[in-house]
Every structure is written in structure tokens, then in C-alpha cells.
C-alpha atoms as a PDB file:
ATOM      1  CA  MET A   1      34.171  15.244  13.668  1.00  0.00           C
ATOM      2  CA  LYS A   2      31.043  16.229  15.589  1.00  0.00           C
ATOM      3  CA  ALA A   3      29.162  16.593  12.327  1.00  0.00           C
ATOM      4  CA  THR A   4      30.150  13.059  11.316  1.00  0.00           C
ATOM      5  CA  TYR A   5      28.908  11.638  14.629  1.00  0.00           C
ATOM      6  CA  PHE A   6      25.715  13.648  14.335  1.00  0.00           C
ATOM      7  CA  ILE A   7      25.059  12.327  10.808  1.00  0.00           C
ATOM      8  CA  LEU A   8      25.749   8.721  11.879  1.00  0.00           C
ATOM      9  CA  ILE A   9      23.430   9.021  14.872  1.00  0.00           C
ATOM     10  CA  PHE A  10      20.780  10.649  12.683  1.00  0.00           C
ATOM     11  CA  PHE A  11      20.840   7.783  10.174  1.00  0.00           C
ATOM     12  CA  LEU A  12      20.865   5.224  12.996  1.00  0.00           C
ATOM     13  CA  ILE A  13      17.734   6.789  14.491  1.00  0.00           C
ATOM     14  CA  ILE A  14      16.017   6.802  11.072  1.00  0.00           C
ATOM     15  CA  GLY A  15      16.990   3.146  10.529  1.00  0.00           C
ATOM     16  CA  VAL A  16      15.580   2.111  13.906  1.00  0.00           C
ATOM     17  CA  ALA A  17      12.377   4.070  13.291  1.00  0.00           C
ATOM     18  CA  LYS A  18      11.854   2.359   9.922  1.00  0.00           C
ATOM     19  CA  ALA A  19      12.613  -1.073  11.362  1.00  0.00           C
ATOM     20  CA  GLN A  20       9.770  -0.742  13.877  1.00  0.00           C
ATOM     21  CA  HIS A  21       7.097  -0.072  11.281  1.00  0.00           C
ATOM     22  CA  VAL A  22       3.877  -2.007  11.905  1.00  0.00           C
ATOM     23  CA  LYS A  23       1.953  -2.952   8.783  1.00  0.00           C
ATOM     24  CA  PRO A  24      -1.798  -3.514   9.178  1.00  0.00           C
ATOM     25  CA  TYR A  25      -3.337  -6.235   7.039  1.00  0.00           C
ATOM     26  CA  LEU A  26      -6.936  -6.222   5.866  1.00  0.00           C
ATOM     27  CA  THR A  27      -8.563  -9.520   6.711  1.00  0.00           C
ATOM     28  CA  VAL A  28     -11.705 -11.164   5.375  1.00  0.00           C
ATOM     29  CA  VAL A  29     -12.885 -14.004   7.621  1.00  0.00           C
ATOM     30  CA  LYS A  30     -15.537 -16.368   6.263  1.00  0.00           C
ATOM     31  CA  THR A  31     -17.304 -18.265   9.027  1.00  0.00           C
ATOM     32  CA  GLN A  32     -20.065 -20.871   9.016  1.00  0.00           C
ATOM     33  CA  SER A  33     -22.753 -18.156   9.077  1.00  0.00           C
ATOM     34  CA  ASP A  34     -21.341 -14.874   7.733  1.00  0.00           C
ATOM     35  CA  LYS A  35     -18.338 -12.893   6.522  1.00  0.00           C
ATOM     36  CA  GLN A  36     -16.466 -10.326   8.627  1.00  0.00           C
ATOM     37  CA  LYS A  37     -13.876  -7.766   7.541  1.00  0.00           C
ATOM     38  CA  GLY A  38     -11.340  -5.793   9.503  1.00  0.00           C
ATOM     39  CA  ILE A  39      -7.676  -5.404  10.380  1.00  0.00           C
ATOM     40  CA  LEU A  40      -6.101  -8.515  11.887  1.00  0.00           C
ATOM     41  CA  TYR A  41      -5.247  -7.556  15.461  1.00  0.00           C
ATOM     42  CA  LYS A  42      -4.405 -10.781  17.311  1.00  0.00           C
ATOM     43  CA  VAL A  43      -4.337 -14.541  16.793  1.00  0.00           C
ATOM     44  CA  ASP A  44      -4.285 -17.051  19.655  1.00  0.00           C
ATOM     45  CA  SER A  45      -5.038 -20.747  19.896  1.00  0.00           C
ATOM     46  CA  THR A  46      -8.813 -20.323  20.259  1.00  0.00           C
ATOM     47  CA  HIS A  47      -9.795 -16.951  18.764  1.00  0.00           C
ATOM     48  CA  ILE A  48      -8.951 -14.382  16.121  1.00  0.00           C
ATOM     49  CA  ILE A  49      -9.518 -10.723  16.941  1.00  0.00           C
ATOM     50  CA  LEU A  50     -10.364  -8.249  14.165  1.00  0.00           C
ATOM     51  CA  ASN A  51     -10.350  -4.475  14.526  1.00  0.00           C
ATOM     52  CA  ASP A  52     -13.287  -3.124  12.537  1.00  0.00           C
ATOM     53  CA  GLU A  53     -13.077   0.686  12.728  1.00  0.00           C
ATOM     54  CA  GLY A  54     -12.396   0.765  16.469  1.00  0.00           C
ATOM     55  CA  THR A  55     -14.524  -2.190  17.549  1.00  0.00           C
ATOM     56  CA  PHE A  56     -12.845  -5.495  18.273  1.00  0.00           C
ATOM     57  CA  ASN A  57     -14.609  -8.618  16.980  1.00  0.00           C
ATOM     58  CA  LYS A  58     -13.656 -11.938  18.535  1.00  0.00           C
ATOM     59  CA  ILE A  59     -14.140 -14.929  16.243  1.00  0.00           C
ATOM     60  CA  ALA A  60     -13.724 -18.515  17.398  1.00  0.00           C
ATOM     61  CA  ILE A  61     -11.318 -20.543  15.273  1.00  0.00           C
ATOM     62  CA  ALA A  62     -13.708 -23.499  15.259  1.00  0.00           C
ATOM     63  CA  GLU A  63     -16.257 -21.397  13.320  1.00  0.00           C
ATOM     64  CA  ILE A  64     -13.808 -20.165  10.654  1.00  0.00           C
ATOM     65  CA  LYS A  65     -13.837 -21.650   7.158  1.00  0.00           C
ATOM     66  CA  ARG A  66     -11.401 -19.396   5.333  1.00  0.00           C
ATOM     67  CA  ILE A  67      -9.243 -16.319   5.954  1.00  0.00           C
ATOM     68  CA  GLN A  68      -7.984 -13.958   3.255  1.00  0.00           C
ATOM     69  CA  ILE A  69      -5.189 -11.457   3.979  1.00  0.00           C
ATOM     70  CA  ARG A  70      -4.845  -8.321   1.851  1.00  0.00           C
ATOM     71  CA  ILE A  71      -2.570  -5.289   1.894  1.00  0.00           C
ATOM     72  CA  PRO A  72      -4.364  -1.942   2.320  1.00  0.00           C
ATOM     73  CA  LYS A  73      -4.120   0.197  -0.798  1.00  0.00           C
ATOM     74  CA  ARG A  74      -3.666   3.927  -1.017  1.00  0.00           C
ATOM     75  CA  GLY A  75      -6.467   6.027  -2.402  1.00  0.00           C
ATOM     76  CA  TYR A  76      -6.734   6.467  -6.137  1.00  0.00           C
ATOM     77  CA  LYS A  77      -4.940   9.521  -7.489  1.00  0.00           C
ATOM     78  CA  ALA A  78      -6.362  10.848 -10.731  1.00  0.00           C
ATOM     79  CA  VAL A  79      -4.113  10.997 -13.782  1.00  0.00           C
ATOM     80  CA  ASP A  80      -3.476  14.288 -15.610  1.00  0.00           C
ATOM     81  CA  LEU A  81      -2.640  13.579 -19.245  1.00  0.00           C
ATOM     82  CA  VAL A  82      -2.111  16.996 -20.799  1.00  0.00           C
ATOM     83  CA  LYS A  83      -0.946  20.226 -19.206  1.00  0.00           C
ATOM     84  CA  ILE A  84      -3.755  22.732 -19.599  1.00  0.00           C
ATOM     85  CA  GLY A  85      -2.816  26.274 -20.567  1.00  0.00           C
ATOM     86  CA  SER A  86       0.518  27.780 -21.497  1.00  0.00           C
ATOM     87  CA  ASP A  87       2.974  29.658 -19.318  1.00  0.00           C
ATOM     88  CA  PRO A  88       3.499  33.184 -20.701  1.00  0.00           C
ATOM     89  CA  GLN A  89       7.032  33.228 -19.300  1.00  0.00           C
ATOM     90  CA  GLU A  90       8.038  30.401 -21.660  1.00  0.00           C
ATOM     91  CA  TYR A  91       7.526  32.659 -24.681  1.00  0.00           C
ATOM     92  CA  LYS A  92       9.908  35.401 -25.845  1.00  0.00           C
ATOM     93  CA  MET A  93       9.727  37.957 -28.629  1.00  0.00           C
ATOM     94  CA  ASN A  94      11.643  36.905 -31.771  1.00  0.00           C
ATOM     95  CA  PRO A  95      13.191  39.351 -34.295  1.00  0.00           C
ATOM     96  CA  ASN A  96       9.998  39.176 -36.423  1.00  0.00           C
ATOM     97  CA  GLY A  97       7.912  40.516 -33.496  1.00  0.00           C
ATOM     98  CA  LYS A  98       6.126  37.224 -32.757  1.00  0.00           C
ATOM     99  CA  MET A  99       5.994  35.458 -29.370  1.00  0.00           C
ATOM    100  CA  VAL A 100       7.702  32.023 -29.659  1.00  0.00           C
ATOM    101  CA  ASP A 101       8.949  29.377 -27.234  1.00  0.00           C
ATOM    102  CA  LYS A 102      12.444  27.880 -27.186  1.00  0.00           C
ATOM    103  CA  ASN A 103      11.500  25.458 -30.004  1.00  0.00           C
ATOM    104  CA  GLY A 104      10.226  28.219 -32.298  1.00  0.00           C
ATOM    105  CA  GLN A 105       6.509  27.420 -31.816  1.00  0.00           C
ATOM    106  CA  GLU A 106       4.232  30.473 -31.799  1.00  0.00           C
ATOM    107  CA  ILE A 107       2.060  31.266 -28.775  1.00  0.00           C
ATOM    108  CA  PRO A 108      -1.297  29.483 -29.165  1.00  0.00           C
ATOM    109  CA  THR A 109      -4.430  31.483 -29.911  1.00  0.00           C
ATOM    110  CA  PHE A 110      -7.422  31.546 -27.603  1.00  0.00           C
ATOM    111  CA  GLU A 111      -9.258  29.021 -29.786  1.00  0.00           C
ATOM    112  CA  ASP A 112      -6.264  26.628 -29.687  1.00  0.00           C
ATOM    113  CA  GLU A 113      -6.100  26.936 -25.888  1.00  0.00           C
ATOM    114  CA  LEU A 114      -9.844  26.276 -25.617  1.00  0.00           C
ATOM    115  CA  ALA A 115      -9.687  23.210 -27.901  1.00  0.00           C
ATOM    116  CA  THR A 116      -6.671  21.807 -26.025  1.00  0.00           C
ATOM    117  CA  THR A 117      -8.425  22.301 -22.693  1.00  0.00           C
ATOM    118  CA  PHE A 118     -11.643  20.682 -23.939  1.00  0.00           C
ATOM    119  CA  PHE A 119      -9.969  17.589 -25.400  1.00  0.00           C
ATOM    120  CA  SER A 120      -7.567  17.168 -22.470  1.00  0.00           C
ATOM    121  CA  VAL A 121     -10.475  17.198 -19.992  1.00  0.00           C
ATOM    122  CA  ILE A 122     -12.327  14.575 -22.053  1.00  0.00           C
ATOM    123  CA  GLY A 123      -9.183  12.444 -22.507  1.00  0.00           C
ATOM    124  CA  THR A 124      -8.297  12.673 -18.804  1.00  0.00           C
ATOM    125  CA  GLY A 125     -11.853  11.723 -17.837  1.00  0.00           C
ATOM    126  CA  ILE A 126     -11.805   8.664 -20.102  1.00  0.00           C
ATOM    127  CA  ALA A 127      -8.362   7.593 -18.858  1.00  0.00           C
ATOM    128  CA  ASN A 128      -9.410   7.915 -15.215  1.00  0.00           C
ATOM    129  CA  ALA A 129     -12.644   6.024 -15.881  1.00  0.00           C
ATOM    130  CA  LEU A 130     -10.567   3.151 -17.309  1.00  0.00           C
ATOM    131  CA  LEU A 131      -7.819   3.203 -14.663  1.00  0.00           C
ATOM    132  CA  TRP A 132     -10.001   3.489 -11.539  1.00  0.00           C
ATOM    133  CA  PRO A 133     -11.451  -0.068 -11.711  1.00  0.00           C
ATOM    134  CA  ILE A 134      -7.971  -1.470 -12.295  1.00  0.00           C
ATOM    135  CA  HIS A 135      -6.729   0.340  -9.190  1.00  0.00           C
ATOM    136  CA  LYS A 136      -9.574  -1.136  -7.127  1.00  0.00           C
ATOM    137  CA  ILE A 137      -8.290  -4.682  -7.694  1.00  0.00           C
ATOM    138  CA  ASN A 138      -6.685  -5.862  -4.456  1.00  0.00           C
ATOM    139  CA  PRO A 139      -5.313  -9.416  -4.692  1.00  0.00           C
ATOM    140  CA  ASN A 140      -4.924 -11.645  -1.668  1.00  0.00           C
ATOM    141  CA  GLN A 141      -1.560 -11.670   0.057  1.00  0.00           C
ATOM    142  CA  ALA A 142      -2.326 -15.010   1.724  1.00  0.00           C
ATOM    143  CA  ASN A 143      -5.179 -17.522   2.070  1.00  0.00           C
ATOM    144  CA  PHE A 144      -5.761 -19.839   5.011  1.00  0.00           C
ATOM    145  CA  ASN A 145      -8.191 -22.759   5.130  1.00  0.00           C
ATOM    146  CA  LEU A 146      -8.214 -23.381   8.878  1.00  0.00           C
ATOM    147  CA  PRO A 147     -10.439 -26.468   9.108  1.00  0.00           C
ATOM    148  CA  LYS A 148      -8.078 -28.330   6.776  1.00  0.00           C
ATOM    149  CA  ASP A 149      -4.783 -27.167   8.246  1.00  0.00           C
ATOM    150  CA  LYS A 150      -4.603 -25.985  11.878  1.00  0.00           C
ATOM    151  CA  SER A 151      -0.786 -25.813  11.729  1.00  0.00           C
ATOM    152  CA  LYS A 152      -1.054 -22.592   9.652  1.00  0.00           C
ATOM    153  CA  LEU A 153      -2.275 -20.712  12.749  1.00  0.00           C
ATOM    154  CA  SER A 154       1.250 -19.642  13.724  1.00  0.00           C
ATOM    155  CA  GLU A 155       1.855 -18.410  10.168  1.00  0.00           C
ATOM    156  CA  LEU A 156      -1.374 -16.412  10.326  1.00  0.00           C
ATOM    157  CA  ALA A 157      -0.149 -14.764  13.536  1.00  0.00           C
ATOM    158  CA  TYR A 158       2.733 -13.124  11.611  1.00  0.00           C
ATOM    159  CA  TYR A 159       0.178 -10.872   9.897  1.00  0.00           C
ATOM    160  CA  SER A 160      -1.368  -9.636  13.168  1.00  0.00           C
ATOM    161  CA  ILE A 161      -0.606  -6.244  14.657  1.00  0.00           C
ATOM    162  CA  TYR A 162      -0.096  -7.792  18.079  1.00  0.00           C
ATOM    163  CA  TYR A 163       2.626 -10.136  16.811  1.00  0.00           C
ATOM    164  CA  GLN A 164       4.372  -7.339  14.908  1.00  0.00           C
ATOM    165  CA  THR A 165       4.572  -5.248  18.079  1.00  0.00           C
ATOM    166  CA  HIS A 166       5.317  -8.188  20.438  1.00  0.00           C
ATOM    167  CA  PRO A 167       7.279 -10.803  18.455  1.00  0.00           C
ATOM    168  CA  ASP A 168       8.187 -14.091  20.113  1.00  0.00           C
ATOM    169  CA  VAL A 169      11.904 -13.749  19.438  1.00  0.00           C
ATOM    170  CA  LEU A 170      13.052 -16.776  21.440  1.00  0.00           C
ATOM    171  CA  ASN A 171      10.613 -19.104  19.689  1.00  0.00           C
ATOM    172  CA  GLU A 172      11.670 -17.754  16.279  1.00  0.00           C
ATOM    173  CA  LEU A 173      15.355 -18.239  17.139  1.00  0.00           C
ATOM    174  CA  LYS A 174      14.639 -21.849  18.130  1.00  0.00           C
ATOM    175  CA  LYS A 175      12.889 -22.412  14.770  1.00  0.00           C
ATOM    176  CA  MET A 176      15.822 -20.888  12.900  1.00  0.00           C
ATOM    177  CA  LYS A 177      18.274 -23.037  14.834  1.00  0.00           C
ATOM    178  CA  ALA A 178      16.279 -26.192  14.027  1.00  0.00           C
ATOM    179  CA  ILE A 179      16.248 -25.253  10.365  1.00  0.00           C
ATOM    180  CA  SER A 180      19.997 -24.536  10.289  1.00  0.00           C
ATOM    181  CA  THR A 181      20.862 -27.821  12.023  1.00  0.00           C
ATOM    182  CA  SER A 182      18.797 -29.731   9.455  1.00  0.00           C
ATOM    183  CA  PHE A 183      20.993 -28.252   6.669  1.00  0.00           C
ATOM    184  CA  LYS A 184      24.286 -29.318   8.246  1.00  0.00           C
ATOM    185  CA  PRO A 185      25.663 -32.678   6.987  1.00  0.00           C
END
């Protein structure tokens, strides 16, 4: 019985820990004069604050033309196409005195191993050269044109780290209640 309670508490703790995950969003802000990049930290009625590698940049909303939100991507992991080399433990002596694997294939010679290694390195290099630019593509999660639509400011705040750690629960409940009452006949 204690083990059951322990397992339930363990999974409850893991569930709570995953529910409080804060997701940083990369933000590109185009202003009247330049373009700034960073992680969206906070949005209020007059300014947007970006975290650019430890420095906080405050940008006035009146100066902003466009905001692009992107999800940070993991680093590129190279692809290995062919296993290089053979494991000597995979091969066993058959009745004819030859080393074979479980499928009956003979152990490769040194020249075969060298050719396989050479062509696998070339093939892996070509594959990685083709896949790396595709991995670098990072589409926008959201776009905001603030001069045209100031009402999108509250939607932009959902992407900020500050809002994810300090959500306005009462205001969100009021919005949900208004939406649910509009559905009722």
C-alpha cells in the first residue's frame, strides 16, 4: 500500500513539474529604425522587453512595426548513414572453417572494410551537407503588426516569459466565462 502511495505521489510531482515549464520564444522586433532580436521577456501597455543574452532591451510599442515569434530549435545533430566497421563478436566459425555471421555472410576483408568506410564517410558528408540547411529553417510561430492592430497586445503577452511565470488567472477566467455565456442559447 505504501508503494502505491509513493508511486502516485511520484507521478503527481512529475506532472506538476512538467505543468510549470516555461517556454522561451525567440522574437524579432522590427522598429522604425532597426531590427532587434532576443527572447520575449515582458509585454506591457507601453513597452516590450527583450532579453538579448543577459541584457534587457526596452522597446516602445509606438516605434514597433512588426513582431515575429519563433520557437528556439535544438542544435543540428549529424546523421550517420552506414555503420563503419564490423563487430568481431557477430561472426562465428562455420563447419567449413570460415568466419560467418548469422546470415551466412563471410567476414569482410580489409579492402572491403576500407571501401565501406570511405564511401560511408563521403555519403554521410553529402547527406549532412544537404540536411543542415533544411534544419536551419525556422518558421514563424506568430506575426504581429502592431500599428494596424493594437488589440493583439494581450495575445502577444502570452508568449512572454513574465506572463508564463505570472499568469493573470482571474482575467483569463473572466474571458472564458464571457465566451461560454455567448455560446448558451
